[in-house]
Amino acid sequence: MLPFRQGDKLECIVMGMATTPEANPSKRAYYGRSLINGLVQFLSKLAENNVTITKFYSTSATPTGIAILRNAHFKGIGQIGKRIVFELETMSSDAPLARRYLAALRKQGMNSAS
């Protein structure tokens, strides 16, 4: 694994995010939001360090995981066995995750120009 370096342009694979099915639905939704918020905070830190993630990839075989990725505007691009492969192009997507990330990159660009 290589470190993130200022000025890098990278593609990122999100290998897995999961909540425990044993938790009640409201607690499980809370855990899910916490995972996503943590990802957004991490991406903001990358943007602050001028690291550009151009694409995200992920896979899922579960109906819930597939629905989450589709709702997040990831596009299905293929299949590996029973897993659907998804892609999100951060630089051109209107997905909320991409918009927030691009806003953080723009803010960093403005701060760098000062």
N, C-alpha and C. Protein backbone atom coordinates (compact mmCIF):
# COMPACT_ATOMS: atom_id res chain seq x y z
N MET A 1 0.85 -1.17 0.00
CA MET A 1 0.00 0.00 0.00
C MET A 1 0.90 1.23 0.00
N LEU A 2 0.54 2.19 -0.85
CA LEU A 2 1.31 3.42 -0.95
C LEU A 2 0.65 4.53 -0.14
N PRO A 3 1.44 5.46 0.38
CA PRO A 3 0.84 6.58 1.13
C PRO A 3 0.19 7.57 0.16
N PHE A 4 -0.76 8.32 0.67
CA PHE A 4 -1.37 9.41 -0.10
C PHE A 4 -0.37 10.57 -0.07
N ARG A 5 -0.10 11.15 -1.26
CA ARG A 5 0.82 12.27 -1.33
C ARG A 5 0.12 13.46 -1.97
N GLN A 6 0.49 14.64 -1.53
CA GLN A 6 -0.08 15.87 -2.05
C GLN A 6 0.07 15.89 -3.58
N GLY A 7 -1.03 16.21 -4.27
CA GLY A 7 -1.02 16.28 -5.72
C GLY A 7 -1.36 14.97 -6.41
N ASP A 8 -1.48 13.87 -5.66
CA ASP A 8 -1.83 12.58 -6.27
C ASP A 8 -3.22 12.62 -6.88
N LYS A 9 -3.40 11.92 -7.99
CA LYS A 9 -4.71 11.66 -8.58
C LYS A 9 -4.87 10.15 -8.58
N LEU A 10 -5.88 9.68 -7.86
CA LEU A 10 -6.03 8.25 -7.62
C LEU A 10 -7.45 7.77 -7.90
N GLU A 11 -7.57 6.47 -8.09
CA GLU A 11 -8.87 5.81 -8.08
C GLU A 11 -8.92 5.02 -6.78
N CYS A 12 -10.11 4.83 -6.24
CA CYS A 12 -10.26 4.24 -4.92
C CYS A 12 -11.28 3.10 -4.96
N ILE A 13 -10.93 2.00 -4.34
CA ILE A 13 -11.86 0.88 -4.21
C ILE A 13 -12.38 0.87 -2.78
N VAL A 14 -13.69 0.96 -2.62
CA VAL A 14 -14.31 0.83 -1.31
C VAL A 14 -14.62 -0.66 -1.15
N MET A 15 -13.84 -1.31 -0.30
CA MET A 15 -13.92 -2.77 -0.18
C MET A 15 -15.14 -3.24 0.61
N GLY A 16 -15.53 -2.50 1.60
CA GLY A 16 -16.68 -2.96 2.35
C GLY A 16 -17.08 -2.00 3.44
N MET A 17 -18.37 -1.92 3.62
CA MET A 17 -18.97 -1.21 4.74
C MET A 17 -20.16 -2.05 5.15
N ALA A 18 -20.29 -2.28 6.41
CA ALA A 18 -21.40 -3.12 6.84
C ALA A 18 -21.84 -2.74 8.25
N THR A 19 -23.11 -2.96 8.50
CA THR A 19 -23.64 -2.85 9.86
C THR A 19 -24.14 -4.23 10.24
N THR A 20 -24.23 -4.46 11.51
CA THR A 20 -24.65 -5.78 11.97
C THR A 20 -26.17 -5.96 11.84
N PRO A 21 -26.59 -7.04 11.22
CA PRO A 21 -28.03 -7.28 11.08
C PRO A 21 -28.72 -7.54 12.42
N GLU A 22 -27.94 -7.81 13.46
CA GLU A 22 -28.53 -8.06 14.78
C GLU A 22 -29.03 -6.78 15.44
N ALA A 23 -28.55 -5.62 15.00
CA ALA A 23 -28.98 -4.34 15.59
C ALA A 23 -30.39 -4.02 15.12
N ASN A 24 -31.14 -3.31 15.97
CA ASN A 24 -32.49 -2.92 15.56
C ASN A 24 -32.36 -1.92 14.40
N PRO A 25 -33.40 -1.80 13.56
CA PRO A 25 -33.29 -0.98 12.34
C PRO A 25 -32.86 0.46 12.56
N SER A 26 -33.35 1.12 13.63
CA SER A 26 -32.96 2.51 13.83
C SER A 26 -31.49 2.63 14.21
N LYS A 27 -31.01 1.72 15.04
CA LYS A 27 -29.60 1.73 15.43
C LYS A 27 -28.73 1.37 14.22
N ARG A 28 -29.19 0.44 13.40
CA ARG A 28 -28.45 0.04 12.21
C ARG A 28 -28.34 1.22 11.22
N ALA A 29 -29.42 1.97 11.07
CA ALA A 29 -29.40 3.15 10.20
C ALA A 29 -28.41 4.19 10.75
N TYR A 30 -28.39 4.35 12.07
CA TYR A 30 -27.45 5.27 12.71
C TYR A 30 -26.01 4.84 12.42
N TYR A 31 -25.73 3.54 12.58
CA TYR A 31 -24.38 3.03 12.30
C TYR A 31 -24.02 3.27 10.84
N GLY A 32 -24.96 3.04 9.94
CA GLY A 32 -24.72 3.26 8.51
C GLY A 32 -24.38 4.71 8.22
N ARG A 33 -25.15 5.63 8.80
CA ARG A 33 -24.86 7.07 8.63
C ARG A 33 -23.49 7.41 9.18
N SER A 34 -23.13 6.81 10.32
CA SER A 34 -21.82 7.08 10.92
C SER A 34 -20.69 6.62 10.00
N LEU A 35 -20.85 5.47 9.37
CA LEU A 35 -19.84 4.97 8.43
C LEU A 35 -19.69 5.92 7.25
N ILE A 36 -20.81 6.35 6.70
CA ILE A 36 -20.78 7.25 5.54
C ILE A 36 -20.20 8.60 5.93
N ASN A 37 -20.59 9.13 7.09
CA ASN A 37 -20.02 10.40 7.56
C ASN A 37 -18.51 10.29 7.76
N GLY A 38 -18.06 9.16 8.28
CA GLY A 38 -16.62 8.93 8.45
C GLY A 38 -15.90 8.93 7.11
N LEU A 39 -16.51 8.32 6.10
CA LEU A 39 -15.93 8.32 4.75
C LEU A 39 -15.84 9.75 4.21
N VAL A 40 -16.91 10.52 4.38
CA VAL A 40 -16.92 11.91 3.90
C VAL A 40 -15.84 12.73 4.62
N GLN A 41 -15.67 12.54 5.91
CA GLN A 41 -14.63 13.26 6.65
C GLN A 41 -13.24 12.88 6.15
N PHE A 42 -13.04 11.59 5.88
CA PHE A 42 -11.76 11.13 5.36
C PHE A 42 -11.49 11.76 3.99
N LEU A 43 -12.50 11.79 3.13
CA LEU A 43 -12.35 12.39 1.81
C LEU A 43 -12.05 13.89 1.91
N SER A 44 -12.67 14.55 2.87
CA SER A 44 -12.39 15.97 3.08
C SER A 44 -10.94 16.18 3.47
N LYS A 45 -10.40 15.31 4.31
CA LYS A 45 -9.00 15.41 4.70
C LYS A 45 -8.09 15.19 3.50
N LEU A 46 -8.45 14.23 2.64
CA LEU A 46 -7.66 14.03 1.42
C LEU A 46 -7.69 15.29 0.57
N ALA A 47 -8.87 15.87 0.40
CA ALA A 47 -9.00 17.09 -0.40
C ALA A 47 -8.16 18.22 0.20
N GLU A 48 -8.16 18.34 1.52
CA GLU A 48 -7.35 19.38 2.19
C GLU A 48 -5.87 19.20 1.87
N ASN A 49 -5.47 17.97 1.60
CA ASN A 49 -4.08 17.67 1.27
C ASN A 49 -3.85 17.56 -0.24
N ASN A 50 -4.83 18.08 -1.01
CA ASN A 50 -4.72 18.12 -2.47
C ASN A 50 -4.54 16.73 -3.08
N VAL A 51 -5.22 15.73 -2.52
CA VAL A 51 -5.25 14.39 -3.09
C VAL A 51 -6.59 14.26 -3.80
N THR A 52 -6.55 13.96 -5.10
CA THR A 52 -7.76 13.89 -5.91
C THR A 52 -8.13 12.44 -6.17
N ILE A 53 -9.34 12.06 -5.76
CA ILE A 53 -9.87 10.74 -6.07
C ILE A 53 -10.76 10.92 -7.30
N THR A 54 -10.35 10.37 -8.43
CA THR A 54 -11.09 10.57 -9.68
C THR A 54 -12.25 9.61 -9.83
N LYS A 55 -12.13 8.41 -9.24
CA LYS A 55 -13.20 7.42 -9.33
C LYS A 55 -13.23 6.57 -8.07
N PHE A 56 -14.42 6.14 -7.74
CA PHE A 56 -14.61 5.15 -6.69
C PHE A 56 -15.19 3.90 -7.34
N TYR A 57 -14.76 2.76 -6.84
CA TYR A 57 -15.31 1.48 -7.26
C TYR A 57 -15.78 0.75 -6.02
N SER A 58 -16.82 -0.05 -6.18
CA SER A 58 -17.30 -0.88 -5.10
C SER A 58 -18.07 -2.04 -5.69
N THR A 59 -18.30 -3.06 -4.90
CA THR A 59 -19.11 -4.20 -5.33
C THR A 59 -20.09 -4.56 -4.22
N SER A 60 -21.16 -5.23 -4.61
CA SER A 60 -22.08 -5.78 -3.62
C SER A 60 -22.88 -6.91 -4.24
N ALA A 61 -23.23 -7.86 -3.40
CA ALA A 61 -24.09 -8.97 -3.82
C ALA A 61 -25.41 -8.96 -3.06
N THR A 62 -25.51 -8.10 -2.03
CA THR A 62 -26.73 -8.09 -1.23
C THR A 62 -27.71 -7.04 -1.76
N PRO A 63 -29.00 -7.31 -1.66
CA PRO A 63 -29.98 -6.31 -2.10
C PRO A 63 -29.81 -4.96 -1.41
N THR A 64 -29.51 -4.96 -0.11
CA THR A 64 -29.33 -3.70 0.62
C THR A 64 -28.10 -2.95 0.12
N GLY A 65 -26.98 -3.64 -0.03
CA GLY A 65 -25.76 -3.01 -0.52
C GLY A 65 -25.92 -2.45 -1.92
N ILE A 66 -26.57 -3.21 -2.79
CA ILE A 66 -26.82 -2.76 -4.16
C ILE A 66 -27.69 -1.50 -4.15
N ALA A 67 -28.73 -1.51 -3.32
CA ALA A 67 -29.63 -0.35 -3.22
C ALA A 67 -28.88 0.88 -2.71
N ILE A 68 -28.03 0.69 -1.71
CA ILE A 68 -27.26 1.82 -1.16
C ILE A 68 -26.37 2.42 -2.24
N LEU A 69 -25.66 1.58 -2.98
CA LEU A 69 -24.77 2.08 -4.03
C LEU A 69 -25.55 2.78 -5.13
N ARG A 70 -26.68 2.20 -5.52
CA ARG A 70 -27.49 2.85 -6.56
C ARG A 70 -28.06 4.18 -6.06
N ASN A 71 -28.52 4.21 -4.82
CA ASN A 71 -29.03 5.47 -4.25
C ASN A 71 -27.95 6.53 -4.11
N ALA A 72 -26.69 6.09 -3.99
CA ALA A 72 -25.56 7.01 -3.91
C ALA A 72 -25.07 7.41 -5.30
N HIS A 73 -25.82 7.00 -6.35
CA HIS A 73 -25.54 7.35 -7.75
C HIS A 73 -24.34 6.61 -8.34
N PHE A 74 -23.91 5.51 -7.70
CA PHE A 74 -22.91 4.67 -8.34
C PHE A 74 -23.58 3.99 -9.53
N LYS A 75 -22.83 3.79 -10.61
CA LYS A 75 -23.34 3.16 -11.82
C LYS A 75 -22.82 1.73 -11.91
N GLY A 76 -23.72 0.79 -12.21
CA GLY A 76 -23.30 -0.59 -12.42
C GLY A 76 -22.49 -0.69 -13.70
N ILE A 77 -21.31 -1.33 -13.62
CA ILE A 77 -20.46 -1.43 -14.80
C ILE A 77 -20.10 -2.87 -15.14
N GLY A 78 -20.60 -3.82 -14.37
CA GLY A 78 -20.28 -5.22 -14.65
C GLY A 78 -20.64 -6.12 -13.50
N GLN A 79 -20.16 -7.33 -13.59
CA GLN A 79 -20.46 -8.31 -12.56
C GLN A 79 -19.27 -9.24 -12.39
N ILE A 80 -18.99 -9.62 -11.15
CA ILE A 80 -17.98 -10.62 -10.83
C ILE A 80 -18.70 -11.68 -10.01
N GLY A 81 -18.96 -12.81 -10.63
CA GLY A 81 -19.74 -13.84 -9.95
C GLY A 81 -21.12 -13.27 -9.63
N LYS A 82 -21.50 -13.32 -8.36
CA LYS A 82 -22.80 -12.78 -7.93
C LYS A 82 -22.72 -11.31 -7.54
N ARG A 83 -21.52 -10.75 -7.53
CA ARG A 83 -21.33 -9.36 -7.10
C ARG A 83 -21.45 -8.41 -8.29
N ILE A 84 -22.21 -7.33 -8.10
CA ILE A 84 -22.31 -6.29 -9.11
C ILE A 84 -21.20 -5.27 -8.83
N VAL A 85 -20.51 -4.86 -9.88
CA VAL A 85 -19.42 -3.89 -9.77
C VAL A 85 -19.98 -2.51 -10.09
N PHE A 86 -19.66 -1.54 -9.24
CA PHE A 86 -20.15 -0.17 -9.39
C PHE A 86 -18.98 0.79 -9.51
N GLU A 87 -19.27 1.92 -10.16
CA GLU A 87 -18.28 2.99 -10.33
C GLU A 87 -18.95 4.33 -10.10
N LEU A 88 -18.20 5.25 -9.51
CA LEU A 88 -18.65 6.62 -9.35
C LEU A 88 -17.52 7.52 -9.83
N GLU A 89 -17.79 8.30 -10.88
CA GLU A 89 -16.80 9.24 -11.41
C GLU A 89 -16.97 10.57 -10.67
N THR A 90 -16.07 10.83 -9.75
CA THR A 90 -16.24 11.99 -8.87
C THR A 90 -16.16 13.31 -9.60
N MET A 91 -15.42 13.38 -10.68
CA MET A 91 -15.21 14.66 -11.35
C MET A 91 -16.40 15.09 -12.21
N SER A 92 -17.31 14.16 -12.53
CA SER A 92 -18.43 14.52 -13.39
C SER A 92 -19.79 14.11 -12.84
N SER A 93 -19.82 13.42 -11.73
CA SER A 93 -21.08 12.93 -11.19
C SER A 93 -21.84 14.02 -10.44
N ASP A 94 -23.18 13.90 -10.46
CA ASP A 94 -24.00 14.80 -9.65
C ASP A 94 -24.36 14.17 -8.31
N ALA A 95 -23.71 13.06 -7.98
CA ALA A 95 -23.97 12.35 -6.72
C ALA A 95 -23.60 13.26 -5.55
N PRO A 96 -24.39 13.22 -4.47
CA PRO A 96 -24.08 14.04 -3.30
C PRO A 96 -22.65 13.83 -2.78
N LEU A 97 -22.18 12.59 -2.74
CA LEU A 97 -20.83 12.31 -2.28
C LEU A 97 -19.81 13.01 -3.17
N ALA A 98 -19.99 12.93 -4.49
CA ALA A 98 -19.07 13.57 -5.43
C ALA A 98 -19.13 15.09 -5.29
N ARG A 99 -20.34 15.64 -5.15
CA ARG A 99 -20.47 17.10 -5.01
C ARG A 99 -19.76 17.61 -3.77
N ARG A 100 -19.92 16.89 -2.64
CA ARG A 100 -19.26 17.31 -1.40
C ARG A 100 -17.75 17.22 -1.53
N TYR A 101 -17.29 16.16 -2.17
CA TYR A 101 -15.85 15.99 -2.35
C TYR A 101 -15.29 17.08 -3.26
N LEU A 102 -15.96 17.36 -4.37
CA LEU A 102 -15.50 18.41 -5.29
C LEU A 102 -15.51 19.78 -4.62
N ALA A 103 -16.50 20.03 -3.77
CA ALA A 103 -16.54 21.30 -3.03
C ALA A 103 -15.33 21.41 -2.12
N ALA A 104 -14.95 20.31 -1.47
CA ALA A 104 -13.77 20.32 -0.60
C ALA A 104 -12.50 20.55 -1.43
N LEU A 105 -12.42 19.94 -2.61
CA LEU A 105 -11.26 20.16 -3.49
C LEU A 105 -11.18 21.62 -3.93
N ARG A 106 -12.33 22.18 -4.31
CA ARG A 106 -12.36 23.59 -4.75
C ARG A 106 -11.94 24.51 -3.61
N LYS A 107 -12.44 24.23 -2.43
CA LYS A 107 -12.07 25.04 -1.25
C LYS A 107 -10.57 24.97 -1.02
N GLN A 108 -10.00 23.79 -1.15
CA GLN A 108 -8.56 23.63 -0.97
C GLN A 108 -7.82 24.42 -2.05
N GLY A 109 -8.33 24.38 -3.29
CA GLY A 109 -7.71 25.12 -4.37
C GLY A 109 -7.72 26.62 -4.10
N MET A 110 -8.83 27.10 -3.54
CA MET A 110 -8.92 28.52 -3.20
C MET A 110 -7.97 28.87 -2.06
N ASN A 111 -7.86 27.96 -1.08
CA ASN A 111 -6.95 28.20 0.03
C ASN A 111 -5.50 28.17 -0.43
N SER A 112 -5.18 27.32 -1.40
CA SER A 112 -3.81 27.23 -1.91
C SER A 112 -3.43 28.47 -2.70
N ALA A 113 -4.44 29.07 -3.35
CA ALA A 113 -4.17 30.26 -4.18
C ALA A 113 -3.93 31.50 -3.33
N SER A 114 -4.34 31.47 -2.05
CA SER A 114 -4.20 32.65 -1.18
C SER A 114 -2.77 32.90 -0.80
